[in-house]
Amino acid sequence: LDEARLAHIAQLYGRAVAAADPLRVGQW
């Protein structure tokens, strides 16, 4: 992958994980 696409995918992955964080953190 070129650097820009890799950065975009990593950002999307991070956003997907972060979207569930309030739910998980609340449980913890």
PDB file of all heavy atoms in Angstrom:
ATOM      1  N   LEU A   1       0.832  -1.206   0.000  1.00  0.00           N
ATOM      2  CA  LEU A   1       0.000   0.000   0.000  1.00  0.00           C
ATOM      3  C   LEU A   1       0.864   1.253   0.000  1.00  0.00           C
ATOM      4  O   LEU A   1       1.921   1.288   0.628  1.00  0.00           O
ATOM      5  CB  LEU A   1      -0.872   0.034   1.259  1.00  0.00           C
ATOM      6  CG  LEU A   1      -1.936  -1.039   1.401  1.00  0.00           C
ATOM      7  CD1 LEU A   1      -2.624  -0.918   2.749  1.00  0.00           C
ATOM      8  CD2 LEU A   1      -2.947  -0.940   0.283  1.00  0.00           C
ATOM      9  N   ASP A   2       0.367   2.293  -0.700  1.00  0.00           N
ATOM     10  CA  ASP A   2       1.089   3.562  -0.618  1.00  0.00           C
ATOM     11  C   ASP A   2       0.800   4.195   0.748  1.00  0.00           C
ATOM     12  O   ASP A   2      -0.171   3.854   1.422  1.00  0.00           O
ATOM     13  CB  ASP A   2       0.727   4.492  -1.783  1.00  0.00           C
ATOM     14  CG  ASP A   2      -0.716   4.948  -1.750  1.00  0.00           C
ATOM     15  OD1 ASP A   2      -1.086   5.670  -0.796  1.00  0.00           O
ATOM     16  OD2 ASP A   2      -1.478   4.597  -2.671  1.00  0.00           O
ATOM     17  N   GLU A   3       1.646   5.107   1.147  1.00  0.00           N
ATOM     18  CA  GLU A   3       1.582   5.701   2.488  1.00  0.00           C
ATOM     19  C   GLU A   3       0.250   6.375   2.767  1.00  0.00           C
ATOM     20  O   GLU A   3      -0.314   6.242   3.854  1.00  0.00           O
ATOM     21  CB  GLU A   3       2.738   6.695   2.672  1.00  0.00           C
ATOM     22  CG  GLU A   3       2.839   7.258   4.069  1.00  0.00           C
ATOM     23  CD  GLU A   3       3.073   6.208   5.157  1.00  0.00           C
ATOM     24  OE1 GLU A   3       3.743   5.196   4.891  1.00  0.00           O
ATOM     25  OE2 GLU A   3       2.565   6.403   6.272  1.00  0.00           O
ATOM     26  N   ALA A   4      -0.311   7.087   1.804  1.00  0.00           N
ATOM     27  CA  ALA A   4      -1.573   7.800   2.007  1.00  0.00           C
ATOM     28  C   ALA A   4      -2.726   6.827   2.254  1.00  0.00           C
ATOM     29  O   ALA A   4      -3.558   7.043   3.141  1.00  0.00           O
ATOM     30  CB  ALA A   4      -1.879   8.689   0.802  1.00  0.00           C
ATOM     31  N   ARG A   5      -2.754   5.750   1.481  1.00  0.00           N
ATOM     32  CA  ARG A   5      -3.838   4.776   1.661  1.00  0.00           C
ATOM     33  C   ARG A   5      -3.691   4.043   2.986  1.00  0.00           C
ATOM     34  O   ARG A   5      -4.668   3.807   3.691  1.00  0.00           O
ATOM     35  CB  ARG A   5      -3.857   3.781   0.506  1.00  0.00           C
ATOM     36  CG  ARG A   5      -5.085   2.893   0.549  1.00  0.00           C
ATOM     37  CD  ARG A   5      -5.374   2.251  -0.768  1.00  0.00           C
ATOM     38  NE  ARG A   5      -6.644   1.549  -0.706  1.00  0.00           N
ATOM     39  CZ  ARG A   5      -6.921   0.481  -1.413  1.00  0.00           C
ATOM     40  NH1 ARG A   5      -6.034   0.004  -2.272  1.00  0.00           N
ATOM     41  NH2 ARG A   5      -8.085  -0.108  -1.303  1.00  0.00           N
ATOM     42  N   LEU A   6      -2.466   3.672   3.338  1.00  0.00           N
ATOM     43  CA  LEU A   6      -2.218   3.021   4.615  1.00  0.00           C
ATOM     44  C   LEU A   6      -2.660   3.929   5.764  1.00  0.00           C
ATOM     45  O   LEU A   6      -3.324   3.487   6.707  1.00  0.00           O
ATOM     46  CB  LEU A   6      -0.742   2.658   4.757  1.00  0.00           C
ATOM     47  CG  LEU A   6      -0.334   2.034   6.088  1.00  0.00           C
ATOM     48  CD1 LEU A   6      -1.090   0.740   6.348  1.00  0.00           C
ATOM     49  CD2 LEU A   6       1.163   1.777   6.100  1.00  0.00           C
ATOM     50  N   ALA A   7      -2.308   5.208   5.682  1.00  0.00           N
ATOM     51  CA  ALA A   7      -2.699   6.161   6.724  1.00  0.00           C
ATOM     52  C   ALA A   7      -4.218   6.276   6.813  1.00  0.00           C
ATOM     53  O   ALA A   7      -4.785   6.316   7.907  1.00  0.00           O
ATOM     54  CB  ALA A   7      -2.073   7.526   6.453  1.00  0.00           C
ATOM     55  N   HIS A   8      -4.890   6.282   5.671  1.00  0.00           N
ATOM     56  CA  HIS A   8      -6.358   6.379   5.648  1.00  0.00           C
ATOM     57  C   HIS A   8      -7.000   5.150   6.275  1.00  0.00           C
ATOM     58  O   HIS A   8      -7.920   5.261   7.090  1.00  0.00           O
ATOM     59  CB  HIS A   8      -6.849   6.582   4.212  1.00  0.00           C
ATOM     60  CG  HIS A   8      -8.320   6.766   4.120  1.00  0.00           C
ATOM     61  ND1 HIS A   8      -9.142   5.851   3.492  1.00  0.00           N
ATOM     62  CD2 HIS A   8      -9.134   7.734   4.616  1.00  0.00           C
ATOM     63  CE1 HIS A   8     -10.391   6.263   3.589  1.00  0.00           C
ATOM     64  NE2 HIS A   8     -10.416   7.392   4.259  1.00  0.00           N
ATOM     65  N   ILE A   9      -6.510   3.975   5.925  1.00  0.00           N
ATOM     66  CA  ILE A   9      -7.064   2.733   6.493  1.00  0.00           C
ATOM     67  C   ILE A   9      -6.804   2.678   7.997  1.00  0.00           C
ATOM     68  O   ILE A   9      -7.698   2.310   8.773  1.00  0.00           O
ATOM     69  CB  ILE A   9      -6.487   1.499   5.769  1.00  0.00           C
ATOM     70  CG1 ILE A   9      -7.035   1.448   4.330  1.00  0.00           C
ATOM     71  CG2 ILE A   9      -6.838   0.206   6.516  1.00  0.00           C
ATOM     72  CD1 ILE A   9      -6.356   0.426   3.443  1.00  0.00           C
ATOM     73  N   ALA A  10      -5.607   3.053   8.416  1.00  0.00           N
ATOM     74  CA  ALA A  10      -5.301   3.066   9.849  1.00  0.00           C
ATOM     75  C   ALA A  10      -6.208   4.048  10.585  1.00  0.00           C
ATOM     76  O   ALA A  10      -6.685   3.759  11.690  1.00  0.00           O
ATOM     77  CB  ALA A  10      -3.829   3.423  10.075  1.00  0.00           C
ATOM     78  N   GLN A  11      -6.468   5.183   9.970  1.00  0.00           N
ATOM     79  CA  GLN A  11      -7.365   6.170  10.577  1.00  0.00           C
ATOM     80  C   GLN A  11      -8.787   5.612  10.687  1.00  0.00           C
ATOM     81  O   GLN A  11      -9.444   5.766  11.719  1.00  0.00           O
ATOM     82  CB  GLN A  11      -7.364   7.458   9.760  1.00  0.00           C
ATOM     83  CG  GLN A  11      -8.274   8.532  10.347  1.00  0.00           C
ATOM     84  CD  GLN A  11      -8.375   9.751   9.453  1.00  0.00           C
ATOM     85  OE1 GLN A  11      -8.468   9.629   8.241  1.00  0.00           O
ATOM     86  NE2 GLN A  11      -8.362  10.922  10.065  1.00  0.00           N
ATOM     87  N   LEU A  12      -9.258   4.964   9.641  1.00  0.00           N
ATOM     88  CA  LEU A  12     -10.602   4.363   9.678  1.00  0.00           C
ATOM     89  C   LEU A  12     -10.690   3.284  10.760  1.00  0.00           C
ATOM     90  O   LEU A  12     -11.678   3.210  11.498  1.00  0.00           O
ATOM     91  CB  LEU A  12     -10.966   3.771   8.314  1.00  0.00           C
ATOM     92  CG  LEU A  12     -11.263   4.775   7.208  1.00  0.00           C
ATOM     93  CD1 LEU A  12     -11.426   4.045   5.876  1.00  0.00           C
ATOM     94  CD2 LEU A  12     -12.504   5.585   7.542  1.00  0.00           C
ATOM     95  N   TYR A  13      -9.665   2.464  10.856  1.00  0.00           N
ATOM     96  CA  TYR A  13      -9.635   1.428  11.888  1.00  0.00           C
ATOM     97  C   TYR A  13      -9.712   2.076  13.280  1.00  0.00           C
ATOM     98  O   TYR A  13     -10.501   1.660  14.131  1.00  0.00           O
ATOM     99  CB  TYR A  13      -8.366   0.579  11.749  1.00  0.00           C
ATOM    100  CG  TYR A  13      -8.208  -0.439  12.845  1.00  0.00           C
ATOM    101  CD1 TYR A  13      -8.909  -1.640  12.800  1.00  0.00           C
ATOM    102  CD2 TYR A  13      -7.381  -0.194  13.924  1.00  0.00           C
ATOM    103  CE1 TYR A  13      -8.779  -2.577  13.813  1.00  0.00           C
ATOM    104  CE2 TYR A  13      -7.240  -1.122  14.942  1.00  0.00           C
ATOM    105  CZ  TYR A  13      -7.945  -2.316  14.883  1.00  0.00           C
ATOM    106  OH  TYR A  13      -7.814  -3.225  15.896  1.00  0.00           O
ATOM    107  N   GLY A  14      -8.899   3.096  13.492  1.00  0.00           N
ATOM    108  CA  GLY A  14      -8.913   3.801  14.772  1.00  0.00           C
ATOM    109  C   GLY A  14     -10.260   4.421  15.082  1.00  0.00           C
ATOM    110  O   GLY A  14     -10.745   4.366  16.213  1.00  0.00           O
ATOM    111  N   ARG A  15     -10.898   5.011  14.074  1.00  0.00           N
ATOM    112  CA  ARG A  15     -12.223   5.602  14.273  1.00  0.00           C
ATOM    113  C   ARG A  15     -13.258   4.534  14.594  1.00  0.00           C
ATOM    114  O   ARG A  15     -14.148   4.761  15.424  1.00  0.00           O
ATOM    115  CB  ARG A  15     -12.627   6.397  13.036  1.00  0.00           C
ATOM    116  CG  ARG A  15     -11.857   7.705  12.898  1.00  0.00           C
ATOM    117  CD  ARG A  15     -12.173   8.431  11.614  1.00  0.00           C
ATOM    118  NE  ARG A  15     -13.597   8.743  11.516  1.00  0.00           N
ATOM    119  CZ  ARG A  15     -14.184   9.109  10.385  1.00  0.00           C
ATOM    120  NH1 ARG A  15     -13.472   9.215   9.260  1.00  0.00           N
ATOM    121  NH2 ARG A  15     -15.464   9.380  10.353  1.00  0.00           N
ATOM    122  N   ALA A  16     -13.155   3.369  13.949  1.00  0.00           N
ATOM    123  CA  ALA A  16     -14.100   2.282  14.225  1.00  0.00           C
ATOM    124  C   ALA A  16     -13.957   1.802  15.662  1.00  0.00           C
ATOM    125  O   ALA A  16     -14.952   1.599  16.371  1.00  0.00           O
ATOM    126  CB  ALA A  16     -13.876   1.123  13.246  1.00  0.00           C
ATOM    127  N   VAL A  17     -12.721   1.637  16.104  1.00  0.00           N
ATOM    128  CA  VAL A  17     -12.480   1.200  17.489  1.00  0.00           C
ATOM    129  C   VAL A  17     -12.955   2.282  18.458  1.00  0.00           C
ATOM    130  O   VAL A  17     -13.617   1.991  19.457  1.00  0.00           O
ATOM    131  CB  VAL A  17     -10.992   0.855  17.698  1.00  0.00           C
ATOM    132  CG1 VAL A  17     -10.683   0.630  19.161  1.00  0.00           C
ATOM    133  CG2 VAL A  17     -10.608  -0.365  16.866  1.00  0.00           C
ATOM    134  N   ALA A  18     -12.637   3.544  18.156  1.00  0.00           N
ATOM    135  CA  ALA A  18     -13.012   4.647  19.039  1.00  0.00           C
ATOM    136  C   ALA A  18     -14.524   4.827  19.125  1.00  0.00           C
ATOM    137  O   ALA A  18     -15.037   5.269  20.155  1.00  0.00           O
ATOM    138  CB  ALA A  18     -12.352   5.945  18.561  1.00  0.00           C
ATOM    139  N   ALA A  19     -15.238   4.466  18.069  1.00  0.00           N
ATOM    140  CA  ALA A  19     -16.696   4.615  18.087  1.00  0.00           C
ATOM    141  C   ALA A  19     -17.332   3.747  19.171  1.00  0.00           C
ATOM    142  O   ALA A  19     -18.362   4.105  19.736  1.00  0.00           O
ATOM    143  CB  ALA A  19     -17.283   4.259  16.714  1.00  0.00           C
ATOM    144  N   ALA A  20     -16.702   2.624  19.481  1.00  0.00           N
ATOM    145  CA  ALA A  20     -17.238   1.721  20.506  1.00  0.00           C
ATOM    146  C   ALA A  20     -16.678   2.020  21.893  1.00  0.00           C
ATOM    147  O   ALA A  20     -17.164   1.483  22.879  1.00  0.00           O
ATOM    148  CB  ALA A  20     -16.932   0.274  20.124  1.00  0.00           C
ATOM    149  N   ASP A  21     -15.669   2.890  21.983  1.00  0.00           N
ATOM    150  CA  ASP A  21     -15.026   3.147  23.270  1.00  0.00           C
ATOM    151  C   ASP A  21     -15.974   3.619  24.373  1.00  0.00           C
ATOM    152  O   ASP A  21     -15.883   3.131  25.492  1.00  0.00           O
ATOM    153  CB  ASP A  21     -13.874   4.132  23.115  1.00  0.00           C
ATOM    154  CG  ASP A  21     -12.584   3.451  22.700  1.00  0.00           C
ATOM    155  OD1 ASP A  21     -12.555   2.197  22.683  1.00  0.00           O
ATOM    156  OD2 ASP A  21     -11.613   4.157  22.404  1.00  0.00           O
ATOM    157  N   PRO A  22     -16.876   4.559  24.107  1.00  0.00           N
ATOM    158  CA  PRO A  22     -17.755   4.987  25.206  1.00  0.00           C
ATOM    159  C   PRO A  22     -18.556   3.820  25.800  1.00  0.00           C
ATOM    160  O   PRO A  22     -18.739   3.741  27.008  1.00  0.00           O
ATOM    161  CB  PRO A  22     -18.685   6.007  24.552  1.00  0.00           C
ATOM    162  CG  PRO A  22     -17.914   6.521  23.384  1.00  0.00           C
ATOM    163  CD  PRO A  22     -17.092   5.349  22.899  1.00  0.00           C
ATOM    164  N   LEU A  23     -18.973   2.907  24.969  1.00  0.00           N
ATOM    165  CA  LEU A  23     -19.700   1.727  25.423  1.00  0.00           C
ATOM    166  C   LEU A  23     -18.801   0.866  26.303  1.00  0.00           C
ATOM    167  O   LEU A  23     -19.175   0.493  27.413  1.00  0.00           O
ATOM    168  CB  LEU A  23     -20.168   0.930  24.202  1.00  0.00           C
ATOM    169  CG  LEU A  23     -20.831  -0.405  24.455  1.00  0.00           C
ATOM    170  CD1 LEU A  23     -22.252  -0.187  24.939  1.00  0.00           C
ATOM    171  CD2 LEU A  23     -20.832  -1.217  23.172  1.00  0.00           C
ATOM    172  N   ARG A  24     -17.604   0.559  25.819  1.00  0.00           N
ATOM    173  CA  ARG A  24     -16.681  -0.301  26.561  1.00  0.00           C
ATOM    174  C   ARG A  24     -16.204   0.366  27.848  1.00  0.00           C
ATOM    175  O   ARG A  24     -16.201  -0.240  28.911  1.00  0.00           O
ATOM    176  CB  ARG A  24     -15.482  -0.673  25.694  1.00  0.00           C
ATOM    177  CG  ARG A  24     -15.868  -1.509  24.492  1.00  0.00           C
ATOM    178  CD  ARG A  24     -14.692  -1.889  23.663  1.00  0.00           C
ATOM    179  NE  ARG A  24     -13.814  -0.736  23.438  1.00  0.00           N
ATOM    180  CZ  ARG A  24     -12.636  -0.809  22.868  1.00  0.00           C
ATOM    181  NH1 ARG A  24     -12.172  -1.954  22.476  1.00  0.00           N
ATOM    182  NH2 ARG A  24     -11.906   0.272  22.686  1.00  0.00           N
ATOM    183  N   VAL A  25     -15.819   1.633  27.752  1.00  0.00           N
ATOM    184  CA  VAL A  25     -15.309   2.337  28.923  1.00  0.00           C
ATOM    185  C   VAL A  25     -16.388   2.433  29.992  1.00  0.00           C
ATOM    186  O   VAL A  25     -16.108   2.291  31.185  1.00  0.00           O
ATOM    187  CB  VAL A  25     -14.761   3.730  28.533  1.00  0.00           C
ATOM    188  CG1 VAL A  25     -14.445   4.567  29.763  1.00  0.00           C
ATOM    189  CG2 VAL A  25     -13.520   3.569  27.666  1.00  0.00           C
ATOM    190  N   GLY A  26     -17.627   2.614  29.591  1.00  0.00           N
ATOM    191  CA  GLY A  26     -18.726   2.650  30.553  1.00  0.00           C
ATOM    192  C   GLY A  26     -18.839   1.354  31.326  1.00  0.00           C
ATOM    193  O   GLY A  26     -19.033   1.355  32.543  1.00  0.00           O
ATOM    194  N   GLN A  27     -18.693   0.241  30.637  1.00  0.00           N
ATOM    195  CA  GLN A  27     -18.749  -1.062  31.299  1.00  0.00           C
ATOM    196  C   GLN A  27     -17.596  -1.233  32.276  1.00  0.00           C
ATOM    197  O   GLN A  27     -17.765  -1.725  33.378  1.00  0.00           O
ATOM    198  CB  GLN A  27     -18.711  -2.187  30.258  1.00  0.00           C
ATOM    199  CG  GLN A  27     -19.981  -2.317  29.458  1.00  0.00           C
ATOM    200  CD  GLN A  27     -21.130  -2.750  30.331  1.00  0.00           C
ATOM    201  OE1 GLN A  27     -21.065  -3.759  31.011  1.00  0.00           O
ATOM    202  NE2 GLN A  27     -22.181  -1.969  30.328  1.00  0.00           N
ATOM    203  N   TRP A  28     -16.400  -0.832  31.876  1.00  0.00           N
ATOM    204  CA  TRP A  28     -15.233  -0.958  32.749  1.00  0.00           C
ATOM    205  C   TRP A  28     -15.389  -0.060  33.965  1.00  0.00           C
ATOM    206  O   TRP A  28     -15.112  -0.461  35.085  1.00  0.00           O
ATOM    207  CB  TRP A  28     -13.951  -0.581  32.026  1.00  0.00           C
ATOM    208  CG  TRP A  28     -13.675  -1.361  30.798  1.00  0.00           C
ATOM    209  CD1 TRP A  28     -14.054  -2.650  30.530  1.00  0.00           C
ATOM    210  CD2 TRP A  28     -12.952  -0.920  29.657  1.00  0.00           C
ATOM    211  NE1 TRP A  28     -13.608  -3.026  29.286  1.00  0.00           N
ATOM    212  CE2 TRP A  28     -12.930  -1.991  28.734  1.00  0.00           C
ATOM    213  CE3 TRP A  28     -12.328   0.269  29.333  1.00  0.00           C
ATOM    214  CZ2 TRP A  28     -12.294  -1.890  27.508  1.00  0.00           C
ATOM    215  CZ3 TRP A  28     -11.699   0.354  28.111  1.00  0.00           C
ATOM    216  CH2 TRP A  28     -11.680  -0.713  27.216  1.00  0.00           C
TER     217      TRP A  28
END
